Structures are given as structure tokens and as C-alpha cells.
């Protein structure tokens, strides 16, 4: 079950999912296929970014680690897991269509 509304830290909407992270950085997903909230393990988030035209979603943890949800497709609606960019420390992530834009902690823009 998802956290109550008073514990939601952030949210993002992709083509077929609603993603939320609670104040403990745990990530949950509402899927149109299952009509239920699912705890999505493997990454943590204080910020989420998602594409409304695709199923792309990225998570940004308090430590600045970004992770992209991998394997999102018709046969695996929630994907196979998270791909983390652990060597880079970010302060912001945004999605435009199928492109992720990242801002590093020292202010550099990456794509």
C-alpha cells in the first residue's frame, strides 16, 4: 500500500503510470494495468521525473544518485530494475520526451 498523502514527498506522471516517493525516499507506482499501488524497490528518491509521452522515469536520491527505470515495455510494464549512475552526483533531473536532462551538483548540464 502507498503512504498516506501527508507522507508523499514528490510525484511524476508517465504515459501509463503515476510515480510517487514518500518522505522516506521509497518509490511507489500506480499502474493502469494493475489498478493498484506497488512498492518499486531498488532505488530511492527525493525527486522523480517522468515523460508523459513514454514510460521513462528517473529518480534522484538525497545523495544525488540518479537512477533510470530499465526495461519498461508492453510485456514488462514496471520494467526490470533501476540503472544507477552512481559515479555522478546530481541536483536535478528533468525529462523531455525521451531525453533526460541532468544538472550536476557543480552546475553542469548533461543530457
N, C-alpha and C. Protein backbone atom coordinates (compact mmCIF):
# COMPACT_ATOMS: atom_id res chain seq x y z
N UNK A 1 0.84 -1.19 0.00
CA UNK A 1 0.00 0.00 0.00
C UNK A 1 0.88 1.25 0.00
N UNK A 2 0.41 2.31 -0.61
CA UNK A 2 1.20 3.54 -0.66
C UNK A 2 1.13 4.29 0.66
N UNK A 3 2.02 5.22 0.84
CA UNK A 3 1.96 6.05 2.05
C UNK A 3 0.74 6.96 1.97
N UNK A 4 0.33 7.48 3.11
CA UNK A 4 -0.78 8.43 3.10
C UNK A 4 -0.32 9.72 2.44
N UNK A 5 -1.27 10.53 2.05
CA UNK A 5 -0.93 11.76 1.31
C UNK A 5 0.00 12.68 2.09
N UNK A 6 -0.11 12.68 3.40
CA UNK A 6 0.74 13.60 4.17
C UNK A 6 2.21 13.17 4.13
N UNK A 7 2.50 11.97 3.67
CA UNK A 7 3.86 11.49 3.58
C UNK A 7 4.44 11.50 2.18
N UNK A 8 3.69 11.95 1.19
CA UNK A 8 4.20 11.98 -0.19
C UNK A 8 5.20 13.12 -0.32
N UNK A 9 6.41 12.78 -0.82
CA UNK A 9 7.45 13.78 -0.99
C UNK A 9 7.48 14.37 -2.39
N UNK A 10 7.16 13.56 -3.40
CA UNK A 10 7.15 14.04 -4.79
C UNK A 10 6.34 13.08 -5.64
N UNK A 11 6.00 13.53 -6.85
CA UNK A 11 5.22 12.70 -7.77
C UNK A 11 5.58 13.05 -9.20
N UNK A 12 5.36 12.09 -10.11
CA UNK A 12 5.57 12.30 -11.54
C UNK A 12 4.61 11.38 -12.29
N UNK A 13 4.21 11.80 -13.47
CA UNK A 13 3.27 11.01 -14.27
C UNK A 13 3.90 10.68 -15.61
N UNK A 14 3.93 9.38 -15.94
CA UNK A 14 4.38 8.95 -17.25
C UNK A 14 3.16 8.52 -18.06
N UNK A 15 3.36 7.94 -19.21
CA UNK A 15 2.26 7.60 -20.10
C UNK A 15 1.24 6.66 -19.44
N UNK A 16 1.71 5.65 -18.73
CA UNK A 16 0.80 4.65 -18.15
C UNK A 16 0.92 4.50 -16.64
N UNK A 17 1.70 5.37 -15.98
CA UNK A 17 1.94 5.19 -14.55
C UNK A 17 1.92 6.53 -13.81
N UNK A 18 1.59 6.44 -12.54
CA UNK A 18 1.79 7.56 -11.61
C UNK A 18 2.86 7.08 -10.64
N UNK A 19 3.90 7.87 -10.49
CA UNK A 19 5.03 7.53 -9.62
C UNK A 19 5.03 8.48 -8.44
N UNK A 20 5.21 7.98 -7.23
CA UNK A 20 5.37 8.84 -6.07
C UNK A 20 6.54 8.31 -5.24
N UNK A 21 7.13 9.22 -4.49
CA UNK A 21 8.14 8.84 -3.49
C UNK A 21 7.69 9.46 -2.18
N UNK A 22 7.78 8.67 -1.13
CA UNK A 22 7.38 9.20 0.18
C UNK A 22 8.56 9.92 0.82
N UNK A 23 8.34 10.48 1.99
CA UNK A 23 9.39 11.26 2.65
C UNK A 23 10.55 10.39 3.13
N UNK A 24 10.38 9.08 3.11
CA UNK A 24 11.47 8.15 3.41
C UNK A 24 12.23 7.72 2.17
N UNK A 25 11.90 8.33 1.01
CA UNK A 25 12.51 8.08 -0.30
C UNK A 25 12.10 6.76 -0.95
N UNK A 26 11.07 6.09 -0.40
CA UNK A 26 10.59 4.86 -1.02
C UNK A 26 9.70 5.20 -2.21
N UNK A 27 9.86 4.44 -3.29
CA UNK A 27 9.16 4.73 -4.55
C UNK A 27 7.99 3.77 -4.73
N UNK A 28 6.85 4.34 -5.16
CA UNK A 28 5.64 3.57 -5.44
C UNK A 28 5.13 3.92 -6.83
N UNK A 29 4.42 2.98 -7.43
CA UNK A 29 3.88 3.19 -8.76
C UNK A 29 2.44 2.73 -8.83
N UNK A 30 1.59 3.54 -9.45
CA UNK A 30 0.21 3.15 -9.76
C UNK A 30 0.19 2.83 -11.24
N UNK A 31 -0.17 1.61 -11.56
CA UNK A 31 -0.20 1.17 -12.95
C UNK A 31 -1.64 1.05 -13.42
N UNK A 32 -1.92 1.52 -14.62
CA UNK A 32 -3.24 1.38 -15.21
C UNK A 32 -3.57 -0.09 -15.45
N UNK A 33 -2.55 -0.93 -15.55
CA UNK A 33 -2.77 -2.36 -15.77
C UNK A 33 -3.22 -3.08 -14.51
N UNK A 34 -2.62 -2.76 -13.38
CA UNK A 34 -2.93 -3.47 -12.13
C UNK A 34 -3.96 -2.74 -11.28
N UNK A 35 -4.15 -1.45 -11.52
CA UNK A 35 -5.05 -0.62 -10.72
C UNK A 35 -4.75 -0.73 -9.23
N UNK A 36 -3.45 -0.73 -8.94
CA UNK A 36 -3.02 -0.84 -7.55
C UNK A 36 -1.67 -0.14 -7.39
N UNK A 37 -1.38 0.30 -6.16
CA UNK A 37 -0.07 0.85 -5.83
C UNK A 37 0.90 -0.29 -5.57
N UNK A 38 2.09 -0.19 -6.14
CA UNK A 38 3.14 -1.18 -5.93
C UNK A 38 4.39 -0.49 -5.42
N UNK A 39 5.04 -1.06 -4.44
CA UNK A 39 6.33 -0.56 -3.96
C UNK A 39 7.39 -1.01 -4.97
N UNK A 40 8.11 -0.06 -5.56
CA UNK A 40 9.12 -0.37 -6.58
C UNK A 40 10.48 -0.25 -5.91
N UNK A 41 11.11 -1.37 -5.65
CA UNK A 41 12.37 -1.40 -4.91
C UNK A 41 13.57 -1.21 -5.83
N UNK A 42 14.72 -0.93 -5.23
CA UNK A 42 15.97 -0.84 -5.97
C UNK A 42 16.54 0.54 -6.13
N UNK A 43 15.76 1.58 -5.81
CA UNK A 43 16.24 2.96 -5.87
C UNK A 43 15.47 3.77 -4.84
N UNK A 44 16.00 4.94 -4.54
CA UNK A 44 15.37 5.86 -3.60
C UNK A 44 15.22 7.22 -4.27
N UNK A 45 14.26 8.03 -3.80
CA UNK A 45 14.04 9.31 -4.48
C UNK A 45 13.53 10.40 -3.55
N UNK A 46 14.10 11.60 -3.74
CA UNK A 46 13.53 12.83 -3.19
C UNK A 46 12.90 13.62 -4.33
N UNK A 47 13.22 13.22 -5.57
CA UNK A 47 12.64 13.84 -6.76
C UNK A 47 12.48 12.76 -7.83
N UNK A 48 11.41 12.89 -8.60
CA UNK A 48 11.14 11.98 -9.71
C UNK A 48 10.88 12.81 -10.96
N UNK A 49 11.25 12.28 -12.11
CA UNK A 49 10.95 12.92 -13.39
C UNK A 49 10.46 11.83 -14.33
N UNK A 50 9.40 12.13 -15.06
CA UNK A 50 8.82 11.14 -15.97
C UNK A 50 8.39 11.81 -17.26
N UNK A 51 8.36 11.03 -18.31
CA UNK A 51 7.89 11.51 -19.61
C UNK A 51 6.43 11.14 -19.78
N UNK A 52 5.60 12.11 -20.14
CA UNK A 52 4.19 11.83 -20.36
C UNK A 52 3.94 11.18 -21.71
N UNK A 53 4.94 11.19 -22.61
CA UNK A 53 4.76 10.56 -23.92
C UNK A 53 5.35 9.15 -23.98
N UNK A 54 6.13 8.78 -22.96
CA UNK A 54 6.72 7.44 -22.91
C UNK A 54 6.58 6.92 -21.48
N UNK A 55 7.20 5.80 -21.19
CA UNK A 55 7.18 5.27 -19.82
C UNK A 55 8.49 5.51 -19.10
N UNK A 56 9.28 6.46 -19.57
CA UNK A 56 10.57 6.77 -18.95
C UNK A 56 10.35 7.45 -17.60
N UNK A 57 11.08 6.97 -16.59
CA UNK A 57 11.06 7.61 -15.27
C UNK A 57 12.47 7.57 -14.69
N UNK A 58 12.86 8.67 -14.07
CA UNK A 58 14.14 8.79 -13.40
C UNK A 58 13.90 9.18 -11.96
N UNK A 59 14.76 8.70 -11.08
CA UNK A 59 14.69 9.01 -9.65
C UNK A 59 15.99 9.67 -9.22
N UNK A 60 15.89 10.63 -8.32
CA UNK A 60 17.05 11.33 -7.77
C UNK A 60 17.01 11.16 -6.25
N UNK A 61 18.07 10.56 -5.69
CA UNK A 61 18.12 10.33 -4.25
C UNK A 61 18.70 11.53 -3.51
N UNK A 62 18.55 11.55 -2.21
CA UNK A 62 19.10 12.61 -1.36
C UNK A 62 20.62 12.74 -1.53
N UNK A 63 21.29 11.62 -1.80
CA UNK A 63 22.74 11.62 -2.00
C UNK A 63 23.15 12.10 -3.40
N UNK A 64 22.17 12.39 -4.27
CA UNK A 64 22.49 12.86 -5.61
C UNK A 64 22.65 11.75 -6.63
N UNK A 65 22.32 10.53 -6.26
CA UNK A 65 22.41 9.41 -7.20
C UNK A 65 21.15 9.39 -8.05
N UNK A 66 21.32 9.33 -9.38
CA UNK A 66 20.17 9.22 -10.27
C UNK A 66 20.06 7.80 -10.77
N UNK A 67 18.82 7.38 -11.00
CA UNK A 67 18.56 6.03 -11.49
C UNK A 67 17.43 6.10 -12.50
N UNK A 68 17.56 5.37 -13.59
CA UNK A 68 16.52 5.29 -14.61
C UNK A 68 15.89 3.91 -14.55
N UNK A 69 14.59 3.85 -14.68
CA UNK A 69 13.89 2.55 -14.68
C UNK A 69 14.13 1.90 -16.04
N UNK A 70 14.66 0.68 -16.02
CA UNK A 70 15.03 -0.02 -17.25
C UNK A 70 13.98 -1.06 -17.62
N UNK A 71 13.88 -1.34 -18.91
CA UNK A 71 13.05 -2.44 -19.39
C UNK A 71 11.56 -2.17 -19.41
N UNK A 72 11.16 -0.91 -19.44
CA UNK A 72 9.74 -0.59 -19.49
C UNK A 72 9.22 -0.91 -20.89
N UNK A 73 8.30 -1.87 -21.01
CA UNK A 73 7.74 -2.25 -22.30
C UNK A 73 6.39 -2.93 -22.08
N UNK A 74 5.73 -3.30 -23.17
CA UNK A 74 4.39 -3.90 -23.08
C UNK A 74 4.39 -5.19 -22.26
N UNK A 75 5.46 -5.97 -22.37
CA UNK A 75 5.49 -7.25 -21.65
C UNK A 75 6.01 -7.11 -20.22
N UNK A 76 6.63 -5.98 -19.89
CA UNK A 76 7.14 -5.74 -18.55
C UNK A 76 6.80 -4.30 -18.16
N UNK A 77 5.56 -4.07 -17.79
CA UNK A 77 5.04 -2.72 -17.57
C UNK A 77 5.78 -1.92 -16.50
N UNK A 78 6.31 -2.59 -15.49
CA UNK A 78 7.08 -1.89 -14.46
C UNK A 78 8.58 -2.00 -14.68
N UNK A 79 8.99 -2.62 -15.78
CA UNK A 79 10.41 -2.72 -16.08
C UNK A 79 11.11 -3.83 -15.32
N UNK A 80 12.42 -3.89 -15.55
CA UNK A 80 13.24 -4.96 -14.96
C UNK A 80 14.04 -4.51 -13.76
N UNK A 81 14.20 -3.23 -13.59
CA UNK A 81 15.01 -2.74 -12.47
C UNK A 81 15.49 -1.33 -12.74
N UNK A 82 16.34 -0.83 -11.88
CA UNK A 82 16.89 0.52 -11.99
C UNK A 82 18.33 0.46 -12.48
N UNK A 83 18.68 1.39 -13.35
CA UNK A 83 20.07 1.57 -13.79
C UNK A 83 20.55 2.84 -13.11
N UNK A 84 21.57 2.71 -12.25
CA UNK A 84 22.05 3.85 -11.47
C UNK A 84 23.32 4.44 -12.07
N UNK A 85 23.40 5.76 -12.01
CA UNK A 85 24.62 6.48 -12.39
C UNK A 85 25.29 6.89 -11.09
N UNK A 86 25.94 5.93 -10.43
CA UNK A 86 26.45 6.15 -9.08
C UNK A 86 27.69 7.02 -9.01
N UNK A 87 28.44 7.14 -10.10
CA UNK A 87 29.66 7.95 -10.05
C UNK A 87 29.38 9.43 -10.21
N UNK A 88 28.20 9.76 -10.70
CA UNK A 88 27.82 11.16 -10.88
C UNK A 88 26.90 11.60 -9.76
N UNK A 89 27.10 12.80 -9.25
CA UNK A 89 26.22 13.35 -8.23
C UNK A 89 25.43 14.49 -8.85
N UNK A 90 24.11 14.38 -8.81
CA UNK A 90 23.24 15.35 -9.46
C UNK A 90 22.44 16.15 -8.43
N UNK A 91 21.91 17.27 -8.87
CA UNK A 91 20.99 18.01 -8.01
C UNK A 91 19.62 18.20 -8.65
N UNK A 92 19.50 17.83 -9.94
CA UNK A 92 18.22 17.99 -10.61
C UNK A 92 18.15 17.04 -11.80
N UNK A 93 16.95 16.52 -12.07
CA UNK A 93 16.71 15.70 -13.26
C UNK A 93 15.36 16.10 -13.84
N UNK A 94 15.30 16.20 -15.18
CA UNK A 94 14.05 16.53 -15.88
C UNK A 94 13.98 15.67 -17.14
N UNK A 95 12.78 15.44 -17.63
CA UNK A 95 12.56 14.63 -18.82
C UNK A 95 11.85 15.47 -19.87
N UNK A 96 12.31 15.35 -21.11
CA UNK A 96 11.65 15.98 -22.26
C UNK A 96 11.49 14.90 -23.32
N UNK A 97 10.29 14.36 -23.47
CA UNK A 97 10.07 13.28 -24.43
C UNK A 97 10.84 12.04 -24.01
N UNK A 98 11.87 11.71 -24.78
CA UNK A 98 12.68 10.53 -24.44
C UNK A 98 14.10 10.92 -24.03
N UNK A 99 14.29 12.18 -23.62
CA UNK A 99 15.61 12.67 -23.23
C UNK A 99 15.60 13.10 -21.77
N UNK A 100 16.60 12.63 -21.02
CA UNK A 100 16.77 13.07 -19.64
C UNK A 100 17.79 14.20 -19.60
N UNK A 101 17.47 15.24 -18.87
CA UNK A 101 18.37 16.37 -18.64
C UNK A 101 18.77 16.34 -17.18
N UNK A 102 20.06 16.38 -16.92
CA UNK A 102 20.59 16.29 -15.56
C UNK A 102 21.44 17.51 -15.26
N UNK A 103 21.32 18.02 -14.04
CA UNK A 103 22.17 19.12 -13.57
C UNK A 103 23.03 18.55 -12.46
N UNK A 104 24.36 18.64 -12.64
CA UNK A 104 25.28 18.14 -11.64
C UNK A 104 25.32 19.09 -10.44
N UNK A 105 25.88 18.62 -9.35
CA UNK A 105 25.95 19.46 -8.15
C UNK A 105 26.86 20.67 -8.34
N UNK A 106 27.75 20.62 -9.34
CA UNK A 106 28.59 21.79 -9.63
C UNK A 106 28.03 22.65 -10.76
N UNK A 107 26.75 22.39 -11.16
CA UNK A 107 26.06 23.26 -12.10
C UNK A 107 26.18 22.92 -13.57
N UNK A 108 26.77 21.80 -13.93
CA UNK A 108 26.89 21.43 -15.34
C UNK A 108 25.62 20.76 -15.82
N UNK A 109 25.20 21.07 -17.05
CA UNK A 109 24.02 20.46 -17.65
C UNK A 109 24.47 19.26 -18.49
N UNK A 110 23.82 18.13 -18.28
CA UNK A 110 24.14 16.91 -19.03
C UNK A 110 22.86 16.38 -19.66
N UNK A 111 23.04 15.65 -20.76
CA UNK A 111 21.90 15.06 -21.44
C UNK A 111 22.19 13.61 -21.74
